[in-house]
Structure formats: C-alpha cells, structure tokens
C-alpha cells in the first residue's frame, strides 16, 4: 500500500493528462488503445475511471484477462507516467452516471466520445506507477500491490 502523500502527489501528476494508452494482450496479440480517464486517489492507492466502448476488443480482452499496462505521455521527452494494474470491466452500470460525471469533470473532451459511443465504465486499479517529471530527477515509484 502506498503512503497517502505519495498517492496525492501521483494523482496531482496524473491531472496533467486526460488520455491514457491502455495495453492488453490476448491470443489475438498485443493491443493498445487510448481512452479519456480521470485519476482518483483511494485508501489503497490510485485508480482510473475510464469510459470504454461496450463489446470492443479492449473490453473483451479485459473481461478475459484483467491485467493491463498503461502510459500517459504529453509528447514531451522529459515527462511521462507508466504503470500496470488490473481493470474491472463493467463496473456497476447503475453508478455509471456518477462515474461519467467524474470523468467529464477531469476530461471534458470525453463528452463527444460518450455521446456517440455505447460506453461502459471500467475502473483500472494501478498496482505500480512510475512518474517521471524531469530527466535526471529520480522518478516517483509507487508499488501498490
């Protein structure tokens, strides 16, 4: 379990991004896709709220094997965030309105995607984060396994 100050720092760093590249692997091979997300701190660590197309390849792969890797990268070679964790597909759809509101508060650009795609909520529980804020500086590494 990560300490609360490190979780707060990680969520603060993640707020600089609104999209995440999410990777899975299956018998069909590796697959990566980008999604709007909202970072959240929890008692256990960091999680991401994502809206994902229902019945998409990514959604089916997560249902079969919930292990994922992810990366946030602003196109700046000096900053990025990587990690891995476990996705929970089809989080309680009854609570989707609340999750959607939290996602849109962080990533307003997600509105067009949500309005045009039959989406389902997915929660990604981060197990490890590596946050690089500047080259030459030690990264913040959170191990939340």
C-alpha atoms as a PDB file:
ATOM      1  CA  UNK A   1       0.000   0.000   0.000  1.00  0.00           C
ATOM      2  CA  UNK A   2       1.334   3.433  -0.961  1.00  0.00           C
ATOM      3  CA  UNK A   3       1.575   6.222   1.556  1.00  0.00           C
ATOM      4  CA  UNK A   4      -1.131   8.920   1.295  1.00  0.00           C
ATOM      5  CA  UNK A   5       1.332  11.727   0.454  1.00  0.00           C
ATOM      6  CA  UNK A   6       2.725   9.729  -2.488  1.00  0.00           C
ATOM      7  CA  UNK A   7      -0.792   8.880  -3.711  1.00  0.00           C
ATOM      8  CA  UNK A   8      -1.728  12.572  -3.559  1.00  0.00           C
ATOM      9  CA  UNK A   9       1.442  13.502  -5.489  1.00  0.00           C
ATOM     10  CA  UNK A  10       0.719  10.808  -8.108  1.00  0.00           C
ATOM     11  CA  UNK A  11      -2.887  11.978  -8.596  1.00  0.00           C
ATOM     12  CA  UNK A  12      -1.651  15.570  -8.881  1.00  0.00           C
ATOM     13  CA  UNK A  13       0.824  14.499 -11.605  1.00  0.00           C
ATOM     14  CA  UNK A  14      -1.856  12.478 -13.415  1.00  0.00           C
ATOM     15  CA  UNK A  15      -4.173  15.508 -13.523  1.00  0.00           C
ATOM     16  CA  UNK A  16      -1.829  16.961 -16.162  1.00  0.00           C
ATOM     17  CA  UNK A  17      -3.154  14.311 -18.580  1.00  0.00           C
ATOM     18  CA  UNK A  18      -6.624  13.473 -19.828  1.00  0.00           C
ATOM     19  CA  UNK A  19      -5.860  10.465 -22.040  1.00  0.00           C
ATOM     20  CA  UNK A  20      -4.200   7.181 -21.254  1.00  0.00           C
ATOM     21  CA  UNK A  21      -2.826   4.494 -23.570  1.00  0.00           C
ATOM     22  CA  UNK A  22      -4.133   1.193 -22.219  1.00  0.00           C
ATOM     23  CA  UNK A  23      -2.496  -2.072 -23.324  1.00  0.00           C
ATOM     24  CA  UNK A  24      -3.749  -5.645 -23.132  1.00  0.00           C
ATOM     25  CA  UNK A  25      -2.624  -8.939 -24.618  1.00  0.00           C
ATOM     26  CA  UNK A  26      -4.613 -11.937 -25.797  1.00  0.00           C
ATOM     27  CA  UNK A  27      -4.386 -14.817 -28.250  1.00  0.00           C
ATOM     28  CA  UNK A  28      -5.025 -12.196 -30.969  1.00  0.00           C
ATOM     29  CA  UNK A  29      -1.800 -10.430 -29.897  1.00  0.00           C
ATOM     30  CA  UNK A  30      -0.943  -7.217 -28.071  1.00  0.00           C
ATOM     31  CA  UNK A  31      -3.412  -4.344 -28.318  1.00  0.00           C
ATOM     32  CA  UNK A  32      -3.194  -0.716 -27.222  1.00  0.00           C
ATOM     33  CA  UNK A  33      -5.869   1.966 -27.387  1.00  0.00           C
ATOM     34  CA  UNK A  34      -6.241   5.458 -25.970  1.00  0.00           C
ATOM     35  CA  UNK A  35      -9.053   6.496 -23.643  1.00  0.00           C
ATOM     36  CA  UNK A  36     -10.100   9.562 -21.719  1.00  0.00           C
ATOM     37  CA  UNK A  37      -9.663   8.983 -17.996  1.00  0.00           C
ATOM     38  CA  UNK A  38      -9.976  10.566 -14.580  1.00  0.00           C
ATOM     39  CA  UNK A  39      -7.407   9.749 -11.880  1.00  0.00           C
ATOM     40  CA  UNK A  40      -8.557   9.161  -8.320  1.00  0.00           C
ATOM     41  CA  UNK A  41      -6.783   8.565  -5.047  1.00  0.00           C
ATOM     42  CA  UNK A  42      -8.137   5.803  -2.825  1.00  0.00           C
ATOM     43  CA  UNK A  43      -7.173   4.303   0.520  1.00  0.00           C
ATOM     44  CA  UNK A  44      -5.321   1.587  -1.417  1.00  0.00           C
ATOM     45  CA  UNK A  45      -3.628   3.824  -3.988  1.00  0.00           C
ATOM     46  CA  UNK A  46      -4.520   5.182  -7.422  1.00  0.00           C
ATOM     47  CA  UNK A  47      -7.286   4.224  -9.799  1.00  0.00           C
ATOM     48  CA  UNK A  48      -8.506   5.448 -13.168  1.00  0.00           C
ATOM     49  CA  UNK A  49     -12.118   5.913 -14.261  1.00  0.00           C
ATOM     50  CA  UNK A  50     -12.478   5.142 -17.985  1.00  0.00           C
ATOM     51  CA  UNK A  51     -15.404   5.004 -20.410  1.00  0.00           C
ATOM     52  CA  UNK A  52     -14.862   2.173 -22.901  1.00  0.00           C
ATOM     53  CA  UNK A  53     -16.944   1.070 -25.887  1.00  0.00           C
ATOM     54  CA  UNK A  54     -19.175  -1.856 -24.958  1.00  0.00           C
ATOM     55  CA  UNK A  55     -18.147  -5.054 -26.753  1.00  0.00           C
ATOM     56  CA  UNK A  56     -14.924  -3.524 -28.095  1.00  0.00           C
ATOM     57  CA  UNK A  57     -11.860  -5.716 -28.471  1.00  0.00           C
ATOM     58  CA  UNK A  58     -10.318  -3.988 -25.443  1.00  0.00           C
ATOM     59  CA  UNK A  59     -13.433  -4.638 -23.339  1.00  0.00           C
ATOM     60  CA  UNK A  60     -13.487  -8.341 -24.320  1.00  0.00           C
ATOM     61  CA  UNK A  61      -9.753  -8.720 -23.599  1.00  0.00           C
ATOM     62  CA  UNK A  62     -10.110  -7.147 -20.153  1.00  0.00           C
ATOM     63  CA  UNK A  63     -13.016  -9.463 -19.371  1.00  0.00           C
ATOM     64  CA  UNK A  64     -10.806 -12.445 -20.296  1.00  0.00           C
ATOM     65  CA  UNK A  65      -7.607 -11.189 -18.587  1.00  0.00           C
ATOM     66  CA  UNK A  66      -7.845  -8.034 -16.473  1.00  0.00           C
ATOM     67  CA  UNK A  67      -4.092  -7.316 -16.406  1.00  0.00           C
ATOM     68  CA  UNK A  68      -3.233  -4.057 -18.193  1.00  0.00           C
ATOM     69  CA  UNK A  69      -0.302  -1.726 -18.752  1.00  0.00           C
ATOM     70  CA  UNK A  70      -0.699   1.989 -19.328  1.00  0.00           C
ATOM     71  CA  UNK A  71       1.145   5.158 -20.244  1.00  0.00           C
ATOM     72  CA  UNK A  72       0.411   8.880 -20.135  1.00  0.00           C
ATOM     73  CA  UNK A  73       2.727  10.921 -22.323  1.00  0.00           C
ATOM     74  CA  UNK A  74       2.305  14.563 -23.355  1.00  0.00           C
ATOM     75  CA  UNK A  75       4.741  14.430 -26.272  1.00  0.00           C
ATOM     76  CA  UNK A  76       7.472  15.816 -24.028  1.00  0.00           C
ATOM     77  CA  UNK A  77      10.538  13.587 -23.787  1.00  0.00           C
ATOM     78  CA  UNK A  78      11.129  14.784 -20.220  1.00  0.00           C
ATOM     79  CA  UNK A  79       7.807  13.724 -18.660  1.00  0.00           C
ATOM     80  CA  UNK A  80       5.683  10.585 -18.652  1.00  0.00           C
ATOM     81  CA  UNK A  81       3.828   8.174 -16.405  1.00  0.00           C
ATOM     82  CA  UNK A  82       3.792   4.410 -16.890  1.00  0.00           C
ATOM     83  CA  UNK A  83       2.460   1.533 -14.902  1.00  0.00           C
ATOM     84  CA  UNK A  84       0.415  -1.606 -14.728  1.00  0.00           C
ATOM     85  CA  UNK A  85      -2.606  -2.811 -12.879  1.00  0.00           C
ATOM     86  CA  UNK A  86      -5.903  -4.637 -13.066  1.00  0.00           C
ATOM     87  CA  UNK A  87      -9.025  -3.473 -14.895  1.00  0.00           C
ATOM     88  CA  UNK A  88     -12.523  -4.090 -13.616  1.00  0.00           C
ATOM     89  CA  UNK A  89     -14.811  -4.158 -16.657  1.00  0.00           C
ATOM     90  CA  UNK A  90     -18.468  -3.372 -16.428  1.00  0.00           C
ATOM     91  CA  UNK A  91     -18.193  -1.621 -13.107  1.00  0.00           C
ATOM     92  CA  UNK A  92     -21.670  -1.127 -11.693  1.00  0.00           C
ATOM     93  CA  UNK A  93     -23.534   0.366 -14.635  1.00  0.00           C
ATOM     94  CA  UNK A  94     -26.140   1.773 -12.247  1.00  0.00           C
ATOM     95  CA  UNK A  95     -23.360   4.003 -10.896  1.00  0.00           C
ATOM     96  CA  UNK A  96     -22.225   4.982 -14.392  1.00  0.00           C
ATOM     97  CA  UNK A  97     -23.812   8.448 -14.243  1.00  0.00           C
ATOM     98  CA  UNK A  98     -21.660   9.318 -11.222  1.00  0.00           C
ATOM     99  CA  UNK A  99     -18.532   7.839 -12.822  1.00  0.00           C
ATOM    100  CA  UNK A 100     -19.307   9.690 -16.065  1.00  0.00           C
ATOM    101  CA  UNK A 101     -19.632  12.983 -14.173  1.00  0.00           C
ATOM    102  CA  UNK A 102     -16.232  12.452 -12.516  1.00  0.00           C
ATOM    103  CA  UNK A 103     -14.665  11.552 -15.873  1.00  0.00           C
ATOM    104  CA  UNK A 104     -16.131  14.625 -17.587  1.00  0.00           C
ATOM    105  CA  UNK A 105     -15.033  16.899 -14.733  1.00  0.00           C
ATOM    106  CA  UNK A 106     -11.439  15.844 -15.411  1.00  0.00           C
ATOM    107  CA  UNK A 107     -11.618  15.328 -19.195  1.00  0.00           C
ATOM    108  CA  UNK A 108     -14.391  17.468 -20.727  1.00  0.00           C
ATOM    109  CA  UNK A 109     -13.271  16.379 -24.203  1.00  0.00           C
ATOM    110  CA  UNK A 110     -14.681  12.937 -23.420  1.00  0.00           C
ATOM    111  CA  UNK A 111     -18.226  14.287 -23.919  1.00  0.00           C
ATOM    112  CA  UNK A 112     -18.236  13.731 -27.713  1.00  0.00           C
ATOM    113  CA  UNK A 113     -16.961  10.157 -27.254  1.00  0.00           C
ATOM    114  CA  UNK A 114     -19.505   9.310 -24.541  1.00  0.00           C
ATOM    115  CA  UNK A 115     -22.385  10.839 -26.522  1.00  0.00           C
ATOM    116  CA  UNK A 116     -21.527   8.931 -29.715  1.00  0.00           C
ATOM    117  CA  UNK A 117     -20.482   5.518 -28.367  1.00  0.00           C
ATOM    118  CA  UNK A 118     -22.311   2.927 -26.276  1.00  0.00           C
ATOM    119  CA  UNK A 119     -19.794   3.058 -23.439  1.00  0.00           C
ATOM    120  CA  UNK A 120     -19.423   1.140 -20.207  1.00  0.00           C
ATOM    121  CA  UNK A 121     -17.470   2.160 -17.140  1.00  0.00           C
ATOM    122  CA  UNK A 122     -14.141   0.493 -16.470  1.00  0.00           C
ATOM    123  CA  UNK A 123     -12.057   1.040 -13.354  1.00  0.00           C
ATOM    124  CA  UNK A 124      -8.310   0.401 -13.521  1.00  0.00           C
ATOM    125  CA  UNK A 125      -6.643  -0.208 -10.180  1.00  0.00           C
ATOM    126  CA  UNK A 126      -2.992   0.759 -10.505  1.00  0.00           C
ATOM    127  CA  UNK A 127      -0.599  -1.712  -8.908  1.00  0.00           C
ATOM    128  CA  UNK A 128       2.550   0.166  -9.924  1.00  0.00           C
ATOM    129  CA  UNK A 129       3.185   3.691 -11.151  1.00  0.00           C
ATOM    130  CA  UNK A 130       6.414   5.280 -12.324  1.00  0.00           C
ATOM    131  CA  UNK A 131       6.163   9.046 -12.628  1.00  0.00           C
ATOM    132  CA  UNK A 132       8.970  10.835 -14.456  1.00  0.00           C
ATOM    133  CA  UNK A 133       8.660  14.586 -14.048  1.00  0.00           C
ATOM    134  CA  UNK A 134      12.092  15.599 -15.374  1.00  0.00           C
ATOM    135  CA  UNK A 135      15.043  13.835 -16.940  1.00  0.00           C
ATOM    136  CA  UNK A 136      17.856  13.436 -14.439  1.00  0.00           C
ATOM    137  CA  UNK A 137      15.481  13.505 -11.473  1.00  0.00           C
ATOM    138  CA  UNK A 138      14.593  10.330  -9.661  1.00  0.00           C
ATOM    139  CA  UNK A 139      11.134   9.084 -10.665  1.00  0.00           C
ATOM    140  CA  UNK A 140       8.395   8.651  -8.110  1.00  0.00           C
ATOM    141  CA  UNK A 141       7.637   4.917  -7.988  1.00  0.00           C
ATOM    142  CA  UNK A 142       4.538   3.702  -6.207  1.00  0.00           C
ATOM    143  CA  UNK A 143       4.148  -0.017  -5.595  1.00  0.00           C
ATOM    144  CA  UNK A 144       0.551  -0.679  -4.589  1.00  0.00           C
ATOM    145  CA  UNK A 145       0.476  -4.485  -4.800  1.00  0.00           C
END
